[in-house]
Amino acid sequence: MEPRSGCPINAAVEVLGDRWSLIVLRDVIFGDRRYFRALLTGSIEGIASNILADRLKRLLDAGILTRGTAARGQRARFSLTEAGIQTVPIIYALGNWGLDWRTGDDQLRARQHLMREGGPAFVEELMDELRVLHLDAAPRETVGPGPLERLSAAYAEASGS
């Protein structure tokens, strides 16, 4: 994918600048939805299958995601690349802006509140955990639950479950 200009902002916006690409990344990163069907049915925004297929192709072509090879009768699993993992600080910044300037459901905002409280250290820890899950990196020693588990717990607590 060659950008229309040499501007780095334009180049990033051409890949990440539409609503659905960021929602797909959000669901892969925070929801561990790595199969087409899970992404299609798991998005509360209701993405259409043709839009999802198009965005997955764009993210694959841009090197943000990879698609595993599926044997006959099996589903292909999508994984983040390092470039995809590097979108976490961008999504974090967008979420913080959304907390400050947009209204929303407390349950859906709980994870972002937890990330904001943890700050850049939490974001780095989350990126490290994603490298283990998506890139087969060696896990770092940690004490207590990892960031994805803490994010799930914050969501569950906000929903009362």
N, C-alpha and C. Protein backbone atom coordinates (compact mmCIF):
# COMPACT_ATOMS: atom_id res chain seq x y z
N MET A 1 0.84 -1.18 0.00
CA MET A 1 0.00 0.00 0.00
C MET A 1 0.88 1.24 0.00
N GLU A 2 0.90 1.92 -1.08
CA GLU A 2 1.65 3.16 -1.17
C GLU A 2 0.73 4.33 -0.84
N PRO A 3 1.11 5.20 0.11
CA PRO A 3 0.27 6.35 0.44
C PRO A 3 0.21 7.35 -0.71
N ARG A 4 -0.82 8.16 -0.72
CA ARG A 4 -1.00 9.17 -1.76
C ARG A 4 0.06 10.26 -1.71
N SER A 5 0.63 10.47 -0.53
CA SER A 5 1.69 11.47 -0.41
C SER A 5 2.73 10.95 0.57
N GLY A 6 3.81 11.67 0.70
CA GLY A 6 4.87 11.28 1.62
C GLY A 6 4.63 11.73 3.05
N CYS A 7 3.50 12.37 3.31
CA CYS A 7 3.19 12.85 4.66
C CYS A 7 2.90 11.67 5.58
N PRO A 8 3.61 11.56 6.72
CA PRO A 8 3.38 10.42 7.61
C PRO A 8 1.98 10.41 8.23
N ILE A 9 1.38 11.57 8.45
CA ILE A 9 0.02 11.61 8.98
C ILE A 9 -0.94 11.05 7.94
N ASN A 10 -0.79 11.48 6.69
CA ASN A 10 -1.63 10.95 5.62
C ASN A 10 -1.46 9.44 5.50
N ALA A 11 -0.22 8.97 5.55
CA ALA A 11 0.05 7.53 5.41
C ALA A 11 -0.66 6.73 6.51
N ALA A 12 -0.62 7.24 7.74
CA ALA A 12 -1.29 6.56 8.85
C ALA A 12 -2.81 6.62 8.70
N VAL A 13 -3.32 7.77 8.31
CA VAL A 13 -4.77 7.93 8.17
C VAL A 13 -5.31 7.04 7.05
N GLU A 14 -4.55 6.86 6.00
CA GLU A 14 -5.01 6.00 4.91
C GLU A 14 -5.22 4.56 5.38
N VAL A 15 -4.47 4.12 6.37
CA VAL A 15 -4.63 2.76 6.90
C VAL A 15 -5.60 2.72 8.07
N LEU A 16 -5.48 3.67 8.99
CA LEU A 16 -6.23 3.61 10.25
C LEU A 16 -7.36 4.62 10.36
N GLY A 17 -7.53 5.47 9.37
CA GLY A 17 -8.40 6.63 9.52
C GLY A 17 -9.88 6.41 9.37
N ASP A 18 -10.30 5.21 9.03
CA ASP A 18 -11.75 5.01 8.96
C ASP A 18 -12.24 4.33 10.23
N ARG A 19 -13.48 4.53 10.52
CA ARG A 19 -14.07 4.01 11.76
C ARG A 19 -13.90 2.51 11.91
N TRP A 20 -14.16 1.76 10.87
CA TRP A 20 -14.20 0.31 11.02
C TRP A 20 -12.84 -0.32 11.24
N SER A 21 -11.79 0.21 10.65
CA SER A 21 -10.46 -0.36 10.87
C SER A 21 -10.08 -0.29 12.34
N LEU A 22 -10.36 0.83 12.97
CA LEU A 22 -10.04 0.97 14.39
C LEU A 22 -10.92 0.08 15.26
N ILE A 23 -12.17 -0.11 14.88
CA ILE A 23 -13.06 -1.00 15.64
C ILE A 23 -12.58 -2.45 15.51
N VAL A 24 -12.17 -2.86 14.32
CA VAL A 24 -11.62 -4.20 14.13
C VAL A 24 -10.38 -4.39 15.00
N LEU A 25 -9.48 -3.41 14.97
CA LEU A 25 -8.28 -3.50 15.81
C LEU A 25 -8.65 -3.55 17.29
N ARG A 26 -9.60 -2.71 17.70
CA ARG A 26 -10.04 -2.74 19.10
C ARG A 26 -10.50 -4.14 19.49
N ASP A 27 -11.29 -4.77 18.63
CA ASP A 27 -11.83 -6.09 18.96
C ASP A 27 -10.77 -7.18 18.95
N VAL A 28 -9.78 -7.06 18.08
CA VAL A 28 -8.67 -8.02 18.08
C VAL A 28 -7.82 -7.83 19.33
N ILE A 29 -7.52 -6.57 19.66
CA ILE A 29 -6.64 -6.27 20.79
C ILE A 29 -7.31 -6.56 22.12
N PHE A 30 -8.47 -5.99 22.35
CA PHE A 30 -9.09 -6.05 23.68
C PHE A 30 -10.07 -7.20 23.84
N GLY A 31 -10.64 -7.68 22.74
CA GLY A 31 -11.61 -8.77 22.82
C GLY A 31 -11.06 -10.11 22.41
N ASP A 32 -9.79 -10.15 21.98
CA ASP A 32 -9.15 -11.36 21.48
C ASP A 32 -10.03 -12.07 20.45
N ARG A 33 -10.70 -11.27 19.61
CA ARG A 33 -11.50 -11.81 18.52
C ARG A 33 -10.57 -11.93 17.32
N ARG A 34 -10.23 -13.16 16.97
CA ARG A 34 -9.20 -13.37 15.95
C ARG A 34 -9.70 -14.16 14.75
N TYR A 35 -10.99 -14.44 14.73
CA TYR A 35 -11.60 -15.14 13.62
C TYR A 35 -12.70 -14.26 13.03
N PHE A 36 -12.94 -14.42 11.72
CA PHE A 36 -13.91 -13.59 11.02
C PHE A 36 -15.27 -13.61 11.73
N ARG A 37 -15.78 -14.79 12.04
CA ARG A 37 -17.11 -14.91 12.66
C ARG A 37 -17.14 -14.19 14.01
N ALA A 38 -16.11 -14.33 14.81
CA ALA A 38 -16.07 -13.67 16.12
C ALA A 38 -16.05 -12.15 15.95
N LEU A 39 -15.33 -11.66 14.96
CA LEU A 39 -15.30 -10.22 14.71
C LEU A 39 -16.65 -9.73 14.20
N LEU A 40 -17.30 -10.53 13.39
CA LEU A 40 -18.59 -10.14 12.82
C LEU A 40 -19.68 -10.10 13.88
N THR A 41 -19.76 -11.13 14.69
CA THR A 41 -20.84 -11.22 15.67
C THR A 41 -20.52 -10.52 16.98
N GLY A 42 -19.25 -10.28 17.26
CA GLY A 42 -18.87 -9.72 18.55
C GLY A 42 -18.86 -8.21 18.62
N SER A 43 -18.93 -7.53 17.50
CA SER A 43 -18.88 -6.07 17.49
C SER A 43 -20.24 -5.49 17.84
N ILE A 44 -20.28 -4.70 18.89
CA ILE A 44 -21.56 -4.09 19.30
C ILE A 44 -22.02 -3.03 18.32
N GLU A 45 -21.11 -2.59 17.45
CA GLU A 45 -21.47 -1.58 16.46
C GLU A 45 -22.17 -2.17 15.24
N GLY A 46 -22.14 -3.50 15.10
CA GLY A 46 -22.85 -4.16 14.03
C GLY A 46 -22.23 -4.00 12.65
N ILE A 47 -20.98 -4.36 12.51
CA ILE A 47 -20.30 -4.27 11.22
C ILE A 47 -20.89 -5.27 10.23
N ALA A 48 -21.08 -4.85 9.00
CA ALA A 48 -21.57 -5.74 7.95
C ALA A 48 -20.44 -6.64 7.47
N SER A 49 -20.77 -7.84 7.01
CA SER A 49 -19.74 -8.81 6.62
C SER A 49 -18.89 -8.31 5.47
N ASN A 50 -19.46 -7.60 4.51
CA ASN A 50 -18.65 -7.10 3.39
C ASN A 50 -17.69 -6.00 3.85
N ILE A 51 -18.11 -5.17 4.79
CA ILE A 51 -17.23 -4.13 5.35
C ILE A 51 -16.11 -4.78 6.14
N LEU A 52 -16.45 -5.77 6.96
CA LEU A 52 -15.43 -6.47 7.75
C LEU A 52 -14.40 -7.12 6.83
N ALA A 53 -14.86 -7.81 5.80
CA ALA A 53 -13.93 -8.46 4.87
C ALA A 53 -13.00 -7.43 4.22
N ASP A 54 -13.55 -6.28 3.84
CA ASP A 54 -12.75 -5.23 3.23
C ASP A 54 -11.72 -4.68 4.21
N ARG A 55 -12.12 -4.41 5.45
CA ARG A 55 -11.19 -3.85 6.43
C ARG A 55 -10.11 -4.85 6.80
N LEU A 56 -10.47 -6.11 6.92
CA LEU A 56 -9.45 -7.12 7.20
C LEU A 56 -8.43 -7.17 6.06
N LYS A 57 -8.90 -7.12 4.83
CA LYS A 57 -7.98 -7.11 3.69
C LYS A 57 -7.07 -5.89 3.74
N ARG A 58 -7.62 -4.72 4.05
CA ARG A 58 -6.80 -3.51 4.14
C ARG A 58 -5.74 -3.63 5.23
N LEU A 59 -6.15 -4.15 6.39
CA LEU A 59 -5.21 -4.29 7.51
C LEU A 59 -4.14 -5.34 7.20
N LEU A 60 -4.52 -6.39 6.48
CA LEU A 60 -3.54 -7.38 6.03
C LEU A 60 -2.56 -6.77 5.03
N ASP A 61 -3.10 -6.05 4.04
CA ASP A 61 -2.26 -5.43 3.01
C ASP A 61 -1.30 -4.39 3.61
N ALA A 62 -1.74 -3.73 4.68
CA ALA A 62 -0.91 -2.70 5.32
C ALA A 62 0.10 -3.29 6.29
N GLY A 63 0.04 -4.60 6.52
CA GLY A 63 0.98 -5.22 7.44
C GLY A 63 0.63 -5.03 8.91
N ILE A 64 -0.62 -4.71 9.20
CA ILE A 64 -1.09 -4.53 10.58
C ILE A 64 -1.52 -5.88 11.18
N LEU A 65 -2.09 -6.73 10.32
CA LEU A 65 -2.51 -8.07 10.71
C LEU A 65 -1.88 -9.10 9.78
N THR A 66 -1.80 -10.33 10.26
CA THR A 66 -1.46 -11.47 9.41
C THR A 66 -2.61 -12.44 9.49
N ARG A 67 -2.71 -13.28 8.49
CA ARG A 67 -3.77 -14.29 8.45
C ARG A 67 -3.10 -15.65 8.41
N GLY A 68 -3.41 -16.46 9.40
CA GLY A 68 -2.85 -17.80 9.42
C GLY A 68 -3.45 -18.65 8.32
N THR A 69 -2.71 -19.65 7.89
CA THR A 69 -3.25 -20.55 6.87
C THR A 69 -4.21 -21.52 7.53
N ALA A 70 -5.33 -21.71 6.90
CA ALA A 70 -6.35 -22.60 7.45
C ALA A 70 -6.40 -23.87 6.61
N ALA A 71 -6.37 -25.00 7.27
CA ALA A 71 -6.54 -26.27 6.56
C ALA A 71 -8.00 -26.39 6.15
N ARG A 72 -8.27 -27.26 5.24
CA ARG A 72 -9.63 -27.45 4.75
C ARG A 72 -10.59 -27.66 5.92
N GLY A 73 -11.65 -26.88 5.92
CA GLY A 73 -12.67 -27.01 6.97
C GLY A 73 -12.34 -26.23 8.24
N GLN A 74 -11.19 -25.58 8.28
CA GLN A 74 -10.83 -24.81 9.46
C GLN A 74 -10.90 -23.33 9.15
N ARG A 75 -11.02 -22.54 10.19
CA ARG A 75 -11.07 -21.09 10.04
C ARG A 75 -9.67 -20.51 10.17
N ALA A 76 -9.44 -19.44 9.41
CA ALA A 76 -8.15 -18.76 9.49
C ALA A 76 -8.16 -17.80 10.68
N ARG A 77 -7.06 -17.76 11.40
CA ARG A 77 -6.93 -16.89 12.56
C ARG A 77 -6.08 -15.68 12.19
N PHE A 78 -6.56 -14.51 12.60
CA PHE A 78 -5.84 -13.27 12.38
C PHE A 78 -4.98 -12.97 13.60
N SER A 79 -3.78 -12.44 13.34
CA SER A 79 -2.88 -12.06 14.42
C SER A 79 -2.34 -10.66 14.14
N LEU A 80 -2.03 -9.97 15.21
CA LEU A 80 -1.39 -8.66 15.09
C LEU A 80 0.07 -8.84 14.70
N THR A 81 0.58 -7.94 13.89
CA THR A 81 2.01 -7.85 13.65
C THR A 81 2.57 -6.85 14.66
N GLU A 82 3.87 -6.64 14.63
CA GLU A 82 4.44 -5.61 15.51
C GLU A 82 3.85 -4.24 15.16
N ALA A 83 3.62 -3.99 13.87
CA ALA A 83 2.99 -2.72 13.47
C ALA A 83 1.58 -2.62 14.07
N GLY A 84 0.86 -3.73 14.12
CA GLY A 84 -0.46 -3.73 14.73
C GLY A 84 -0.40 -3.48 16.23
N ILE A 85 0.57 -4.09 16.88
CA ILE A 85 0.74 -3.88 18.33
C ILE A 85 1.10 -2.42 18.60
N GLN A 86 1.84 -1.81 17.69
CA GLN A 86 2.22 -0.41 17.87
C GLN A 86 1.03 0.56 17.70
N THR A 87 -0.14 0.05 17.33
CA THR A 87 -1.34 0.91 17.29
C THR A 87 -1.96 1.08 18.68
N VAL A 88 -1.54 0.28 19.64
CA VAL A 88 -2.13 0.36 20.99
C VAL A 88 -2.01 1.77 21.57
N PRO A 89 -0.85 2.44 21.52
CA PRO A 89 -0.81 3.81 22.06
C PRO A 89 -1.74 4.78 21.32
N ILE A 90 -1.95 4.55 20.03
CA ILE A 90 -2.88 5.39 19.28
C ILE A 90 -4.31 5.17 19.77
N ILE A 91 -4.68 3.91 19.92
CA ILE A 91 -6.03 3.58 20.40
C ILE A 91 -6.20 4.07 21.83
N TYR A 92 -5.16 3.96 22.63
CA TYR A 92 -5.17 4.48 24.00
C TYR A 92 -5.44 5.99 24.00
N ALA A 93 -4.74 6.73 23.15
CA ALA A 93 -4.93 8.18 23.08
C ALA A 93 -6.34 8.53 22.60
N LEU A 94 -6.85 7.80 21.62
CA LEU A 94 -8.22 8.05 21.16
C LEU A 94 -9.23 7.76 22.27
N GLY A 95 -9.00 6.69 23.00
CA GLY A 95 -9.90 6.36 24.12
C GLY A 95 -9.88 7.42 25.20
N ASN A 96 -8.71 7.95 25.50
CA ASN A 96 -8.63 9.03 26.50
C ASN A 96 -9.36 10.27 26.02
N TRP A 97 -9.23 10.60 24.75
CA TRP A 97 -9.96 11.74 24.19
C TRP A 97 -11.47 11.48 24.31
N GLY A 98 -11.89 10.25 24.00
CA GLY A 98 -13.30 9.90 24.11
C GLY A 98 -13.82 10.00 25.54
N LEU A 99 -12.99 9.62 26.52
CA LEU A 99 -13.41 9.77 27.93
C LEU A 99 -13.63 11.23 28.28
N ASP A 100 -12.77 12.09 27.78
CA ASP A 100 -12.83 13.51 28.13
C ASP A 100 -13.91 14.28 27.38
N TRP A 101 -14.18 13.89 26.14
CA TRP A 101 -15.00 14.76 25.29
C TRP A 101 -16.28 14.13 24.76
N ARG A 102 -16.52 12.87 25.02
CA ARG A 102 -17.73 12.21 24.54
C ARG A 102 -18.41 11.48 25.69
N THR A 103 -19.71 11.37 25.61
CA THR A 103 -20.45 10.62 26.61
C THR A 103 -20.45 9.15 26.21
N GLY A 104 -20.81 8.29 27.13
CA GLY A 104 -20.85 6.87 26.81
C GLY A 104 -21.33 6.04 27.98
N ASP A 105 -21.42 4.78 27.74
CA ASP A 105 -21.87 3.79 28.70
C ASP A 105 -20.75 3.51 29.70
N ASP A 106 -21.06 3.56 30.99
CA ASP A 106 -20.04 3.34 32.02
C ASP A 106 -19.34 1.99 31.86
N GLN A 107 -20.09 0.96 31.52
CA GLN A 107 -19.49 -0.36 31.35
C GLN A 107 -18.48 -0.35 30.21
N LEU A 108 -18.82 0.29 29.11
CA LEU A 108 -17.93 0.32 27.96
C LEU A 108 -16.73 1.23 28.18
N ARG A 109 -16.84 2.14 29.12
CA ARG A 109 -15.76 3.07 29.42
C ARG A 109 -14.81 2.55 30.51
N ALA A 110 -15.21 1.49 31.20
CA ALA A 110 -14.44 0.98 32.35
C ALA A 110 -13.02 0.58 31.98
N ARG A 111 -12.86 -0.08 30.84
CA ARG A 111 -11.51 -0.51 30.44
C ARG A 111 -10.61 0.69 30.18
N GLN A 112 -11.17 1.72 29.55
CA GLN A 112 -10.35 2.89 29.26
C GLN A 112 -9.96 3.61 30.54
N HIS A 113 -10.87 3.65 31.52
CA HIS A 113 -10.52 4.24 32.82
C HIS A 113 -9.35 3.48 33.45
N LEU A 114 -9.39 2.15 33.39
CA LEU A 114 -8.30 1.35 33.95
C LEU A 114 -7.00 1.63 33.22
N MET A 115 -7.06 1.72 31.90
CA MET A 115 -5.84 2.02 31.14
C MET A 115 -5.30 3.39 31.48
N ARG A 116 -6.20 4.37 31.62
CA ARG A 116 -5.75 5.72 31.96
C ARG A 116 -5.07 5.73 33.32
N GLU A 117 -5.66 5.03 34.29
CA GLU A 117 -5.06 4.96 35.62
C GLU A 117 -3.67 4.33 35.57
N GLY A 118 -3.50 3.32 34.72
CA GLY A 118 -2.21 2.64 34.60
C GLY A 118 -1.19 3.42 33.79
N GLY A 119 -1.68 4.29 32.91
CA GLY A 119 -0.81 5.15 32.13
C GLY A 119 0.08 4.40 31.15
N PRO A 120 1.16 5.04 30.73
CA PRO A 120 2.06 4.45 29.73
C PRO A 120 2.65 3.10 30.16
N ALA A 121 2.86 2.90 31.44
CA ALA A 121 3.40 1.61 31.90
C ALA A 121 2.40 0.49 31.61
N PHE A 122 1.12 0.76 31.81
CA PHE A 122 0.08 -0.24 31.52
C PHE A 122 0.06 -0.53 30.02
N VAL A 123 0.15 0.50 29.20
CA VAL A 123 0.14 0.34 27.74
C VAL A 123 1.32 -0.53 27.32
N GLU A 124 2.50 -0.29 27.86
CA GLU A 124 3.67 -1.10 27.52
C GLU A 124 3.49 -2.55 27.95
N GLU A 125 2.93 -2.75 29.13
CA GLU A 125 2.69 -4.11 29.62
C GLU A 125 1.68 -4.82 28.71
N LEU A 126 0.64 -4.10 28.30
CA LEU A 126 -0.35 -4.67 27.39
C LEU A 126 0.30 -5.05 26.06
N MET A 127 1.14 -4.18 25.54
CA MET A 127 1.82 -4.47 24.28
C MET A 127 2.71 -5.71 24.41
N ASP A 128 3.38 -5.85 25.55
CA ASP A 128 4.20 -7.04 25.78
C ASP A 128 3.34 -8.30 25.80
N GLU A 129 2.18 -8.22 26.44
CA GLU A 129 1.29 -9.38 26.49
C GLU A 129 0.77 -9.72 25.09
N LEU A 130 0.47 -8.72 24.30
CA LEU A 130 0.02 -8.96 22.92
C LEU A 130 1.13 -9.61 22.09
N ARG A 131 2.37 -9.25 22.34
CA ARG A 131 3.49 -9.88 21.62
C ARG A 131 3.56 -11.37 21.95
N VAL A 132 3.27 -11.72 23.18
CA VAL A 132 3.26 -13.13 23.57
C VAL A 132 2.12 -13.85 22.84
N LEU A 133 0.94 -13.25 22.83
CA LEU A 133 -0.24 -13.89 22.23
C LEU A 133 -0.19 -13.94 20.71
N HIS A 134 0.33 -12.91 20.08
CA HIS A 134 0.25 -12.81 18.62
C HIS A 134 1.56 -13.10 17.90
N LEU A 135 2.68 -12.87 18.56
CA LEU A 135 3.98 -13.04 17.91
C LEU A 135 4.80 -14.17 18.51
N ASP A 136 4.20 -14.88 19.46
CA ASP A 136 4.88 -15.99 20.14
C ASP A 136 6.17 -15.56 20.83
N ALA A 137 6.18 -14.33 21.35
CA ALA A 137 7.33 -13.84 22.11
C ALA A 137 7.37 -14.55 23.46
N ALA A 138 8.54 -14.59 24.04
CA ALA A 138 8.68 -15.19 25.37
C ALA A 138 7.99 -14.29 26.40
N PRO A 139 7.20 -14.88 27.27
CA PRO A 139 6.52 -14.06 28.28
C PRO A 139 7.49 -13.52 29.31
N ARG A 140 7.20 -12.32 29.78
CA ARG A 140 7.98 -11.73 30.86
C ARG A 140 7.39 -12.19 32.18
N GLU A 141 8.24 -12.24 33.17
CA GLU A 141 7.73 -12.61 34.50
C GLU A 141 6.91 -11.47 35.06
N THR A 142 5.72 -11.83 35.52
CA THR A 142 4.83 -10.83 36.11
C THR A 142 4.29 -11.36 37.42
N VAL A 143 3.82 -10.44 38.23
CA VAL A 143 3.17 -10.79 39.48
C VAL A 143 1.71 -10.40 39.35
N GLY A 144 0.82 -11.32 39.57
CA GLY A 144 -0.59 -11.02 39.50
C GLY A 144 -1.13 -11.13 38.09
N PRO A 145 -2.39 -10.76 37.93
CA PRO A 145 -3.02 -10.88 36.61
C PRO A 145 -2.41 -9.92 35.60
N GLY A 146 -2.40 -10.35 34.34
CA GLY A 146 -1.88 -9.53 33.25
C GLY A 146 -2.87 -8.44 32.87
N PRO A 147 -2.46 -7.55 31.99
CA PRO A 147 -3.32 -6.42 31.62
C PRO A 147 -4.63 -6.83 30.97
N LEU A 148 -4.63 -7.85 30.10
CA LEU A 148 -5.88 -8.26 29.46
C LEU A 148 -6.86 -8.82 30.49
N GLU A 149 -6.34 -9.56 31.45
CA GLU A 149 -7.20 -10.09 32.51
C GLU A 149 -7.75 -8.95 33.37
N ARG A 150 -6.93 -7.96 33.66
CA ARG A 150 -7.40 -6.81 34.45
C ARG A 150 -8.44 -6.00 33.67
N LEU A 151 -8.26 -5.86 32.37
CA LEU A 151 -9.24 -5.15 31.55
C LEU A 151 -10.58 -5.90 31.52
N SER A 152 -10.52 -7.22 31.39
CA SER A 152 -11.75 -8.03 31.42
C SER A 152 -12.45 -7.92 32.77
N ALA A 153 -11.69 -7.92 33.84
CA ALA A 153 -12.26 -7.81 35.18
C ALA A 153 -12.92 -6.45 35.38
N ALA A 154 -12.30 -5.39 34.87
CA ALA A 154 -12.89 -4.05 34.98
C ALA A 154 -14.20 -3.97 34.23
N TYR A 155 -14.26 -4.58 33.06
CA TYR A 155 -15.48 -4.61 32.26
C TYR A 155 -16.57 -5.40 33.00
N ALA A 156 -16.20 -6.57 33.52
CA ALA A 156 -17.16 -7.41 34.23
C ALA A 156 -17.68 -6.72 35.48
N GLU A 157 -16.79 -6.05 36.20
CA GLU A 157 -17.19 -5.35 37.42
C GLU A 157 -18.17 -4.21 37.09
N ALA A 158 -17.91 -3.51 36.01
CA ALA A 158 -18.79 -2.40 35.61
C ALA A 158 -20.16 -2.90 35.16
N SER A 159 -20.21 -4.15 34.68
CA SER A 159 -21.49 -4.71 34.21
C SER A 159 -22.23 -5.39 35.35
N GLY A 160 -21.57 -5.53 36.50
CA GLY A 160 -22.21 -6.17 37.64
C GLY A 160 -22.16 -7.69 37.59
N SER A 161 -21.36 -8.25 36.66
CA SER A 161 -21.29 -9.72 36.61
C SER A 161 -20.10 -10.26 37.35
